[in-house]
């Protein structure tokens, strides 16, 4: 989802000298394969969007896979970008790097100030390691490697897998299937009370393009909208977009995850970038993409 959004943005800006590989073409977990790729292509600018990702179920079930595979991907790419003299690298992390009970909204300096959310701790630790790796290569070798932390993302080419998807695409699928099957209700995990922020992936791509040109410092930059809403309110919005007329049922035996996860985006706003696509507009675009693909 993110990679294709960045590709669309670069193409829209007129770039044609793009070096891309799908996961089928290049296994970034394979150290030698990544070394061979970088030696052959010698890219000047690297957007590191590749990762093993998923929702609460996937994160909590495949804990070793999420830690090992994400560490392998970022270690291989960041190290080879240094060895082959890349001019700049942008590493994409995740807002789950922040402590579970950190003050809200989440400022960049809250990193490593408390315990992580247990269900996605392996993924978060991998992403924190990626931030620190970029900073270490900057400190030791003078590499212009930067890190950005997006909020929850959705958009074109999202993952709608019934078990391994994030909450927003999972709800789109649930409401669509309930509508087409004539179900009386849709069951949603948890209480519906956790607050979440959502950014359309094409807005993220626009921010990444902006920061690749304008930001050259250590540390990290949050990318988000600065606004959040409850899972219940999100479900009601998706229900309306999909056109489902039944009821919502909340299964409180299932976990809620982190109570709130809103990014402080004042640093990004001061740099001169703000999001453009409102949530209701983005949900309609995402649903049309879901219908087209699935």
C-alpha atoms as a PDB file:
ATOM      1  CA  UNK A   1       0.000   0.000   0.000  1.00  0.00           C
ATOM      2  CA  UNK A   2       2.654   2.526   1.048  1.00  0.00           C
ATOM      3  CA  UNK A   3       5.161   1.549  -1.624  1.00  0.00           C
ATOM      4  CA  UNK A   4       2.617   1.892  -4.413  1.00  0.00           C
ATOM      5  CA  UNK A   5       1.520   5.282  -3.032  1.00  0.00           C
ATOM      6  CA  UNK A   6       5.112   6.562  -3.019  1.00  0.00           C
ATOM      7  CA  UNK A   7       5.569   5.241  -6.567  1.00  0.00           C
ATOM      8  CA  UNK A   8       2.411   7.098  -7.720  1.00  0.00           C
ATOM      9  CA  UNK A   9       3.674  10.302  -6.119  1.00  0.00           C
ATOM     10  CA  UNK A  10       7.113  10.083  -7.746  1.00  0.00           C
ATOM     11  CA  UNK A  11       5.571   9.314 -11.140  1.00  0.00           C
ATOM     12  CA  UNK A  12       3.149  12.243 -10.742  1.00  0.00           C
ATOM     13  CA  UNK A  13       6.158  14.501 -10.054  1.00  0.00           C
ATOM     14  CA  UNK A  14       7.713  13.383 -13.340  1.00  0.00           C
ATOM     15  CA  UNK A  15      10.336  10.897 -12.140  1.00  0.00           C
ATOM     16  CA  UNK A  16      11.122   8.087 -14.566  1.00  0.00           C
ATOM     17  CA  UNK A  17      14.446   6.781 -13.194  1.00  0.00           C
ATOM     18  CA  UNK A  18      12.761   4.610 -10.566  1.00  0.00           C
ATOM     19  CA  UNK A  19      14.299   1.385  -9.259  1.00  0.00           C
ATOM     20  CA  UNK A  20      11.649  -0.868  -7.730  1.00  0.00           C
ATOM     21  CA  UNK A  21      11.335  -4.537  -6.796  1.00  0.00           C
ATOM     22  CA  UNK A  22       8.348  -6.477  -5.532  1.00  0.00           C
ATOM     23  CA  UNK A  23       8.796  -8.914  -2.648  1.00  0.00           C
ATOM     24  CA  UNK A  24       8.488 -11.719  -5.207  1.00  0.00           C
ATOM     25  CA  UNK A  25      11.433 -10.276  -7.172  1.00  0.00           C
ATOM     26  CA  UNK A  26      13.689  -9.453  -4.213  1.00  0.00           C
ATOM     27  CA  UNK A  27      13.556 -10.991  -0.724  1.00  0.00           C
ATOM     28  CA  UNK A  28      14.825  -8.182   1.509  1.00  0.00           C
ATOM     29  CA  UNK A  29      15.326 -10.686   4.334  1.00  0.00           C
ATOM     30  CA  UNK A  30      18.096 -12.283   2.272  1.00  0.00           C
ATOM     31  CA  UNK A  31      21.348 -10.466   3.021  1.00  0.00           C
ATOM     32  CA  UNK A  32      23.191 -11.592  -0.110  1.00  0.00           C
ATOM     33  CA  UNK A  33      20.252 -10.826  -2.397  1.00  0.00           C
ATOM     34  CA  UNK A  34      20.030  -7.275  -1.004  1.00  0.00           C
ATOM     35  CA  UNK A  35      23.809  -6.829  -1.335  1.00  0.00           C
ATOM     36  CA  UNK A  36      23.684  -7.960  -4.974  1.00  0.00           C
ATOM     37  CA  UNK A  37      20.751  -5.657  -5.731  1.00  0.00           C
ATOM     38  CA  UNK A  38      22.425  -2.553  -4.250  1.00  0.00           C
ATOM     39  CA  UNK A  39      25.754  -3.334  -5.913  1.00  0.00           C
ATOM     40  CA  UNK A  40      24.049  -3.622  -9.299  1.00  0.00           C
ATOM     41  CA  UNK A  41      21.635  -0.663  -9.035  1.00  0.00           C
ATOM     42  CA  UNK A  42      23.442   1.786  -6.693  1.00  0.00           C
ATOM     43  CA  UNK A  43      20.284   3.845  -5.936  1.00  0.00           C
ATOM     44  CA  UNK A  44      20.785   7.496  -4.942  1.00  0.00           C
ATOM     45  CA  UNK A  45      17.604   7.828  -2.852  1.00  0.00           C
ATOM     46  CA  UNK A  46      15.967   5.011  -0.917  1.00  0.00           C
ATOM     47  CA  UNK A  47      12.405   4.933   0.447  1.00  0.00           C
ATOM     48  CA  UNK A  48      12.330   1.959   2.848  1.00  0.00           C
ATOM     49  CA  UNK A  49       8.610   1.127   2.989  1.00  0.00           C
ATOM     50  CA  UNK A  50       8.946  -2.675   3.088  1.00  0.00           C
ATOM     51  CA  UNK A  51       7.919  -4.429   6.310  1.00  0.00           C
ATOM     52  CA  UNK A  52       6.017  -7.379   7.706  1.00  0.00           C
ATOM     53  CA  UNK A  53       2.833  -5.775   9.025  1.00  0.00           C
ATOM     54  CA  UNK A  54      -0.564  -6.733  10.442  1.00  0.00           C
ATOM     55  CA  UNK A  55      -3.231  -6.024  13.039  1.00  0.00           C
ATOM     56  CA  UNK A  56      -3.512  -7.138  16.679  1.00  0.00           C
ATOM     57  CA  UNK A  57      -4.066 -10.824  15.856  1.00  0.00           C
ATOM     58  CA  UNK A  58      -1.138 -11.089  13.441  1.00  0.00           C
ATOM     59  CA  UNK A  59       1.224  -9.092  15.678  1.00  0.00           C
ATOM     60  CA  UNK A  60       0.413 -11.157  18.748  1.00  0.00           C
ATOM     61  CA  UNK A  61       0.425 -14.549  16.965  1.00  0.00           C
ATOM     62  CA  UNK A  62       3.587 -14.248  14.846  1.00  0.00           C
ATOM     63  CA  UNK A  63       5.764 -12.484  17.417  1.00  0.00           C
ATOM     64  CA  UNK A  64       9.077 -14.056  16.366  1.00  0.00           C
ATOM     65  CA  UNK A  65       8.360 -13.504  12.661  1.00  0.00           C
ATOM     66  CA  UNK A  66       7.493  -9.841  13.182  1.00  0.00           C
ATOM     67  CA  UNK A  67      10.686  -9.175  15.139  1.00  0.00           C
ATOM     68  CA  UNK A  68      13.110 -11.224  13.034  1.00  0.00           C
ATOM     69  CA  UNK A  69      11.817 -10.365   9.560  1.00  0.00           C
ATOM     70  CA  UNK A  70      11.545  -6.630  10.172  1.00  0.00           C
ATOM     71  CA  UNK A  71      15.021  -6.494  11.708  1.00  0.00           C
ATOM     72  CA  UNK A  72      16.409  -8.441   8.746  1.00  0.00           C
ATOM     73  CA  UNK A  73      14.729  -6.200   6.141  1.00  0.00           C
ATOM     74  CA  UNK A  74      15.871  -2.909   7.630  1.00  0.00           C
ATOM     75  CA  UNK A  75      19.371  -4.102   8.638  1.00  0.00           C
ATOM     76  CA  UNK A  76      20.068  -5.339   5.113  1.00  0.00           C
ATOM     77  CA  UNK A  77      18.707  -2.277   3.306  1.00  0.00           C
ATOM     78  CA  UNK A  78      20.167   0.398   5.612  1.00  0.00           C
ATOM     79  CA  UNK A  79      23.623  -1.240   5.675  1.00  0.00           C
ATOM     80  CA  UNK A  80      23.756  -1.664   1.890  1.00  0.00           C
ATOM     81  CA  UNK A  81      22.564   1.930   1.358  1.00  0.00           C
ATOM     82  CA  UNK A  82      25.617   2.989   3.388  1.00  0.00           C
ATOM     83  CA  UNK A  83      28.020   0.609   1.629  1.00  0.00           C
ATOM     84  CA  UNK A  84      26.893   1.666  -1.857  1.00  0.00           C
ATOM     85  CA  UNK A  85      26.884   5.395  -1.094  1.00  0.00           C
ATOM     86  CA  UNK A  86      23.196   6.266  -1.253  1.00  0.00           C
ATOM     87  CA  UNK A  87      22.763  10.043  -0.957  1.00  0.00           C
ATOM     88  CA  UNK A  88      19.723   9.715   1.302  1.00  0.00           C
ATOM     89  CA  UNK A  89      17.467   7.069   2.855  1.00  0.00           C
ATOM     90  CA  UNK A  90      14.021   7.500   4.373  1.00  0.00           C
ATOM     91  CA  UNK A  91      13.014   4.799   6.861  1.00  0.00           C
ATOM     92  CA  UNK A  92       9.307   4.308   7.547  1.00  0.00           C
ATOM     93  CA  UNK A  93       8.461   3.212  11.075  1.00  0.00           C
ATOM     94  CA  UNK A  94       5.146   3.122  12.914  1.00  0.00           C
ATOM     95  CA  UNK A  95       3.337   4.998  15.661  1.00  0.00           C
ATOM     96  CA  UNK A  96       3.365   1.807  17.771  1.00  0.00           C
ATOM     97  CA  UNK A  97       6.976   2.674  18.728  1.00  0.00           C
ATOM     98  CA  UNK A  98       5.624   4.905  21.495  1.00  0.00           C
ATOM     99  CA  UNK A  99       4.949   3.719  25.074  1.00  0.00           C
ATOM    100  CA  UNK A 100       1.442   2.356  25.653  1.00  0.00           C
ATOM    101  CA  UNK A 101       0.612   4.936  28.315  1.00  0.00           C
ATOM    102  CA  UNK A 102       2.593   7.902  26.980  1.00  0.00           C
ATOM    103  CA  UNK A 103       0.938  11.341  27.232  1.00  0.00           C
ATOM    104  CA  UNK A 104      -1.294  12.286  24.296  1.00  0.00           C
ATOM    105  CA  UNK A 105      -0.751  13.497  21.662  1.00  0.00           C
ATOM    106  CA  UNK A 106       2.494  11.583  21.110  1.00  0.00           C
ATOM    107  CA  UNK A 107       5.554  13.801  20.693  1.00  0.00           C
ATOM    108  CA  UNK A 108       8.721  12.520  19.015  1.00  0.00           C
ATOM    109  CA  UNK A 109      10.663  12.871  22.275  1.00  0.00           C
ATOM    110  CA  UNK A 110       8.412  10.305  24.047  1.00  0.00           C
ATOM    111  CA  UNK A 111      10.320   7.471  22.332  1.00  0.00           C
ATOM    112  CA  UNK A 112      11.774   5.003  24.895  1.00  0.00           C
ATOM    113  CA  UNK A 113      10.167   6.697  27.907  1.00  0.00           C
ATOM    114  CA  UNK A 114       7.939   3.747  28.964  1.00  0.00           C
ATOM    115  CA  UNK A 115       6.677   0.228  28.334  1.00  0.00           C
ATOM    116  CA  UNK A 116       5.261  -0.720  24.932  1.00  0.00           C
ATOM    117  CA  UNK A 117       1.832  -2.185  24.137  1.00  0.00           C
ATOM    118  CA  UNK A 118       2.423  -5.943  24.709  1.00  0.00           C
ATOM    119  CA  UNK A 119       0.437  -7.178  21.683  1.00  0.00           C
ATOM    120  CA  UNK A 120       2.705  -5.413  19.153  1.00  0.00           C
ATOM    121  CA  UNK A 121       5.936  -5.148  21.150  1.00  0.00           C
ATOM    122  CA  UNK A 122       8.068  -7.247  18.706  1.00  0.00           C
ATOM    123  CA  UNK A 123       7.094  -5.057  15.740  1.00  0.00           C
ATOM    124  CA  UNK A 124       7.648  -1.880  17.757  1.00  0.00           C
ATOM    125  CA  UNK A 125      11.094  -3.014  18.935  1.00  0.00           C
ATOM    126  CA  UNK A 126      12.125  -3.732  15.341  1.00  0.00           C
ATOM    127  CA  UNK A 127      11.007  -0.268  14.236  1.00  0.00           C
ATOM    128  CA  UNK A 128      12.757   1.423  17.181  1.00  0.00           C
ATOM    129  CA  UNK A 129      15.928  -0.448  16.173  1.00  0.00           C
ATOM    130  CA  UNK A 130      15.505   0.943  12.650  1.00  0.00           C
ATOM    131  CA  UNK A 131      15.334   4.529  13.925  1.00  0.00           C
ATOM    132  CA  UNK A 132      18.419   4.012  16.055  1.00  0.00           C
ATOM    133  CA  UNK A 133      20.245   2.309  13.171  1.00  0.00           C
ATOM    134  CA  UNK A 134      19.628   5.315  10.912  1.00  0.00           C
ATOM    135  CA  UNK A 135      20.895   7.651  13.631  1.00  0.00           C
ATOM    136  CA  UNK A 136      23.944   5.444  14.284  1.00  0.00           C
ATOM    137  CA  UNK A 137      24.943   5.437  10.603  1.00  0.00           C
ATOM    138  CA  UNK A 138      24.481   9.226  10.601  1.00  0.00           C
ATOM    139  CA  UNK A 139      26.694   9.584  13.707  1.00  0.00           C
ATOM    140  CA  UNK A 140      29.449   7.165  12.658  1.00  0.00           C
ATOM    141  CA  UNK A 141      29.532   7.526   8.880  1.00  0.00           C
ATOM    142  CA  UNK A 142      27.764  10.820   8.154  1.00  0.00           C
ATOM    143  CA  UNK A 143      24.902   9.137   6.258  1.00  0.00           C
ATOM    144  CA  UNK A 144      21.845  11.303   5.555  1.00  0.00           C
ATOM    145  CA  UNK A 145      19.381   8.673   6.791  1.00  0.00           C
ATOM    146  CA  UNK A 146      16.070   9.967   8.193  1.00  0.00           C
ATOM    147  CA  UNK A 147      13.149   8.276   9.975  1.00  0.00           C
ATOM    148  CA  UNK A 148       9.433   9.022   9.753  1.00  0.00           C
ATOM    149  CA  UNK A 149       6.653   7.575  11.903  1.00  0.00           C
ATOM    150  CA  UNK A 150       3.262   7.403  10.187  1.00  0.00           C
ATOM    151  CA  UNK A 151       0.013   7.066  12.064  1.00  0.00           C
ATOM    152  CA  UNK A 152      -2.504   4.324  11.111  1.00  0.00           C
ATOM    153  CA  UNK A 153      -2.709   4.153   7.321  1.00  0.00           C
ATOM    154  CA  UNK A 154      -5.366   3.115   4.815  1.00  0.00           C
ATOM    155  CA  UNK A 155      -6.000   3.562   1.110  1.00  0.00           C
ATOM    156  CA  UNK A 156      -5.429   1.981  -2.292  1.00  0.00           C
ATOM    157  CA  UNK A 157      -3.993  -1.569  -2.279  1.00  0.00           C
ATOM    158  CA  UNK A 158      -4.725  -2.084   1.429  1.00  0.00           C
ATOM    159  CA  UNK A 159      -4.716  -5.562   3.001  1.00  0.00           C
ATOM    160  CA  UNK A 160      -8.270  -6.868   3.557  1.00  0.00           C
ATOM    161  CA  UNK A 161      -7.312 -10.327   4.876  1.00  0.00           C
ATOM    162  CA  UNK A 162      -9.957 -11.524   7.407  1.00  0.00           C
ATOM    163  CA  UNK A 163      -7.388 -12.279  10.149  1.00  0.00           C
ATOM    164  CA  UNK A 164      -4.249 -10.282   9.332  1.00  0.00           C
ATOM    165  CA  UNK A 165      -5.603  -6.847   8.371  1.00  0.00           C
ATOM    166  CA  UNK A 166      -5.704  -3.627  10.393  1.00  0.00           C
ATOM    167  CA  UNK A 167      -8.912  -2.306  11.918  1.00  0.00           C
ATOM    168  CA  UNK A 168     -10.056   0.048   9.132  1.00  0.00           C
ATOM    169  CA  UNK A 169      -9.766  -2.340   6.152  1.00  0.00           C
ATOM    170  CA  UNK A 170     -11.087  -5.164   8.353  1.00  0.00           C
ATOM    171  CA  UNK A 171     -14.216  -3.100   9.050  1.00  0.00           C
ATOM    172  CA  UNK A 172     -14.673  -2.231   5.366  1.00  0.00           C
ATOM    173  CA  UNK A 173     -14.652  -5.926   4.557  1.00  0.00           C
ATOM    174  CA  UNK A 174     -16.938  -6.836   7.470  1.00  0.00           C
ATOM    175  CA  UNK A 175     -19.555  -4.226   6.600  1.00  0.00           C
ATOM    176  CA  UNK A 176     -19.441  -5.085   2.890  1.00  0.00           C
ATOM    177  CA  UNK A 177     -19.877  -8.817   3.542  1.00  0.00           C
ATOM    178  CA  UNK A 178     -22.686  -8.149   6.026  1.00  0.00           C
ATOM    179  CA  UNK A 179     -24.419  -5.916   3.469  1.00  0.00           C
ATOM    180  CA  UNK A 180     -24.148  -8.441   0.630  1.00  0.00           C
ATOM    181  CA  UNK A 181     -25.239 -11.393   2.811  1.00  0.00           C
ATOM    182  CA  UNK A 182     -28.125  -9.496   4.419  1.00  0.00           C
ATOM    183  CA  UNK A 183     -26.768  -9.909   7.982  1.00  0.00           C
ATOM    184  CA  UNK A 184     -28.653  -8.164  10.772  1.00  0.00           C
ATOM    185  CA  UNK A 185     -25.496  -7.026  12.587  1.00  0.00           C
ATOM    186  CA  UNK A 186     -21.716  -6.648  12.461  1.00  0.00           C
ATOM    187  CA  UNK A 187     -19.565  -7.698  15.415  1.00  0.00           C
ATOM    188  CA  UNK A 188     -16.617  -5.471  16.288  1.00  0.00           C
ATOM    189  CA  UNK A 189     -13.744  -6.428  18.579  1.00  0.00           C
ATOM    190  CA  UNK A 190     -13.494  -4.676  21.938  1.00  0.00           C
ATOM    191  CA  UNK A 191     -15.523  -1.892  23.456  1.00  0.00           C
ATOM    192  CA  UNK A 192     -15.313   0.560  20.557  1.00  0.00           C
ATOM    193  CA  UNK A 193     -13.824   3.171  22.886  1.00  0.00           C
ATOM    194  CA  UNK A 194     -10.128   3.255  21.831  1.00  0.00           C
ATOM    195  CA  UNK A 195      -9.204   6.384  19.908  1.00  0.00           C
ATOM    196  CA  UNK A 196      -7.309   6.140  16.638  1.00  0.00           C
ATOM    197  CA  UNK A 197      -5.939   8.491  13.988  1.00  0.00           C
ATOM    198  CA  UNK A 198      -6.045   7.571  10.275  1.00  0.00           C
ATOM    199  CA  UNK A 199      -4.073   8.945   7.329  1.00  0.00           C
ATOM    200  CA  UNK A 200      -4.713   8.189   3.665  1.00  0.00           C
ATOM    201  CA  UNK A 201      -1.625   6.493   2.186  1.00  0.00           C
ATOM    202  CA  UNK A 202      -1.356   8.991  -0.680  1.00  0.00           C
ATOM    203  CA  UNK A 203      -1.068  11.785   1.883  1.00  0.00           C
ATOM    204  CA  UNK A 204       1.738   9.822   3.548  1.00  0.00           C
ATOM    205  CA  UNK A 205       3.501   9.502   0.190  1.00  0.00           C
ATOM    206  CA  UNK A 206       3.210  13.253  -0.302  1.00  0.00           C
ATOM    207  CA  UNK A 207       4.746  13.826   3.160  1.00  0.00           C
ATOM    208  CA  UNK A 208       7.591  11.383   2.449  1.00  0.00           C
ATOM    209  CA  UNK A 209       8.370  13.143  -0.832  1.00  0.00           C
ATOM    210  CA  UNK A 210       8.357  16.485   0.992  1.00  0.00           C
ATOM    211  CA  UNK A 211      10.653  15.243   3.788  1.00  0.00           C
ATOM    212  CA  UNK A 212      13.049  13.548   1.367  1.00  0.00           C
ATOM    213  CA  UNK A 213      13.665  17.033  -0.025  1.00  0.00           C
ATOM    214  CA  UNK A 214      13.386  19.192   3.096  1.00  0.00           C
ATOM    215  CA  UNK A 215      14.415  17.216   6.224  1.00  0.00           C
ATOM    216  CA  UNK A 216      18.015  16.206   6.980  1.00  0.00           C
ATOM    217  CA  UNK A 217      18.254  15.619  10.736  1.00  0.00           C
ATOM    218  CA  UNK A 218      18.640  12.825  13.263  1.00  0.00           C
ATOM    219  CA  UNK A 219      15.679  11.550  15.267  1.00  0.00           C
ATOM    220  CA  UNK A 220      12.256  11.092  13.746  1.00  0.00           C
ATOM    221  CA  UNK A 221       9.260  12.975  12.363  1.00  0.00           C
ATOM    222  CA  UNK A 222       5.642  12.037  13.054  1.00  0.00           C
ATOM    223  CA  UNK A 223       3.317  11.950  10.033  1.00  0.00           C
ATOM    224  CA  UNK A 224      -0.413  12.133  10.716  1.00  0.00           C
ATOM    225  CA  UNK A 225      -3.493  14.323  10.695  1.00  0.00           C
ATOM    226  CA  UNK A 226      -3.475  15.474  14.320  1.00  0.00           C
ATOM    227  CA  UNK A 227      -7.099  14.289  14.697  1.00  0.00           C
ATOM    228  CA  UNK A 228      -8.517  11.041  16.069  1.00  0.00           C
ATOM    229  CA  UNK A 229     -11.868   9.333  16.637  1.00  0.00           C
ATOM    230  CA  UNK A 230     -13.190   6.282  18.496  1.00  0.00           C
ATOM    231  CA  UNK A 231     -13.357   2.869  16.850  1.00  0.00           C
ATOM    232  CA  UNK A 232     -17.136   3.066  17.313  1.00  0.00           C
ATOM    233  CA  UNK A 233     -17.314   6.362  15.407  1.00  0.00           C
ATOM    234  CA  UNK A 234     -15.038   4.943  12.719  1.00  0.00           C
ATOM    235  CA  UNK A 235     -17.361   1.942  12.396  1.00  0.00           C
ATOM    236  CA  UNK A 236     -20.363   4.246  12.039  1.00  0.00           C
ATOM    237  CA  UNK A 237     -18.592   6.203   9.264  1.00  0.00           C
ATOM    238  CA  UNK A 238     -17.671   3.006   7.390  1.00  0.00           C
ATOM    239  CA  UNK A 239     -21.201   1.662   7.877  1.00  0.00           C
ATOM    240  CA  UNK A 240     -22.511   4.797   6.172  1.00  0.00           C
ATOM    241  CA  UNK A 241     -19.969   4.687   3.312  1.00  0.00           C
ATOM    242  CA  UNK A 242     -20.654   0.987   2.625  1.00  0.00           C
ATOM    243  CA  UNK A 243     -24.429   1.370   2.982  1.00  0.00           C
ATOM    244  CA  UNK A 244     -24.981  -1.277   5.684  1.00  0.00           C
ATOM    245  CA  UNK A 245     -28.252  -0.782   7.564  1.00  0.00           C
ATOM    246  CA  UNK A 246     -27.924  -3.328  10.406  1.00  0.00           C
ATOM    247  CA  UNK A 247     -26.700  -3.011  13.999  1.00  0.00           C
ATOM    248  CA  UNK A 248     -23.266  -2.844  15.624  1.00  0.00           C
ATOM    249  CA  UNK A 249     -22.372  -5.435  18.284  1.00  0.00           C
ATOM    250  CA  UNK A 250     -19.224  -4.999  20.410  1.00  0.00           C
ATOM    251  CA  UNK A 251     -17.469  -8.170  21.604  1.00  0.00           C
ATOM    252  CA  UNK A 252     -15.928  -6.972  24.868  1.00  0.00           C
ATOM    253  CA  UNK A 253     -14.188 -10.316  25.424  1.00  0.00           C
ATOM    254  CA  UNK A 254     -11.719  -9.268  22.703  1.00  0.00           C
ATOM    255  CA  UNK A 255      -8.780  -6.874  23.346  1.00  0.00           C
ATOM    256  CA  UNK A 256      -8.958  -3.130  22.730  1.00  0.00           C
ATOM    257  CA  UNK A 257      -5.218  -2.596  22.359  1.00  0.00           C
ATOM    258  CA  UNK A 258      -3.742   0.808  23.206  1.00  0.00           C
ATOM    259  CA  UNK A 259      -6.410   3.171  24.632  1.00  0.00           C
ATOM    260  CA  UNK A 260      -5.348   6.122  22.493  1.00  0.00           C
ATOM    261  CA  UNK A 261      -2.710   6.711  19.820  1.00  0.00           C
ATOM    262  CA  UNK A 262      -2.719  10.259  18.469  1.00  0.00           C
ATOM    263  CA  UNK A 263       0.445  11.735  16.993  1.00  0.00           C
ATOM    264  CA  UNK A 264       1.617  15.257  17.721  1.00  0.00           C
ATOM    265  CA  UNK A 265       2.318  16.562  14.203  1.00  0.00           C
ATOM    266  CA  UNK A 266       3.415  20.087  15.171  1.00  0.00           C
ATOM    267  CA  UNK A 267       7.014  19.353  14.052  1.00  0.00           C
ATOM    268  CA  UNK A 268       5.790  18.368  10.579  1.00  0.00           C
ATOM    269  CA  UNK A 269       3.439  21.364  10.389  1.00  0.00           C
ATOM    270  CA  UNK A 270       6.311  23.706  11.282  1.00  0.00           C
ATOM    271  CA  UNK A 271       8.355  22.180   8.459  1.00  0.00           C
ATOM    272  CA  UNK A 272       5.502  23.171   6.124  1.00  0.00           C
ATOM    273  CA  UNK A 273       3.400  20.056   5.400  1.00  0.00           C
ATOM    274  CA  UNK A 274      -0.243  19.224   6.256  1.00  0.00           C
ATOM    275  CA  UNK A 275      -2.540  16.408   5.123  1.00  0.00           C
ATOM    276  CA  UNK A 276      -5.173  17.066   2.448  1.00  0.00           C
ATOM    277  CA  UNK A 277      -7.570  14.085   2.322  1.00  0.00           C
ATOM    278  CA  UNK A 278     -10.332  14.112   4.969  1.00  0.00           C
ATOM    279  CA  UNK A 279     -11.368  10.778   6.527  1.00  0.00           C
ATOM    280  CA  UNK A 280     -14.843  10.514   4.970  1.00  0.00           C
ATOM    281  CA  UNK A 281     -13.440  11.284   1.507  1.00  0.00           C
ATOM    282  CA  UNK A 282     -10.617   8.767   2.019  1.00  0.00           C
ATOM    283  CA  UNK A 283     -13.012   6.046   3.200  1.00  0.00           C
ATOM    284  CA  UNK A 284     -15.095   6.447   0.043  1.00  0.00           C
ATOM    285  CA  UNK A 285     -11.946   6.151  -2.117  1.00  0.00           C
ATOM    286  CA  UNK A 286     -10.770   3.095  -0.158  1.00  0.00           C
ATOM    287  CA  UNK A 287     -14.163   1.377  -0.453  1.00  0.00           C
ATOM    288  CA  UNK A 288     -14.235   1.915  -4.214  1.00  0.00           C
ATOM    289  CA  UNK A 289     -10.743   0.403  -4.414  1.00  0.00           C
ATOM    290  CA  UNK A 290     -11.918  -2.568  -2.299  1.00  0.00           C
ATOM    291  CA  UNK A 291     -14.875  -3.146  -4.661  1.00  0.00           C
ATOM    292  CA  UNK A 292     -12.628  -2.938  -7.722  1.00  0.00           C
ATOM    293  CA  UNK A 293     -10.043  -5.371  -6.334  1.00  0.00           C
ATOM    294  CA  UNK A 294     -12.153  -7.819  -4.321  1.00  0.00           C
END
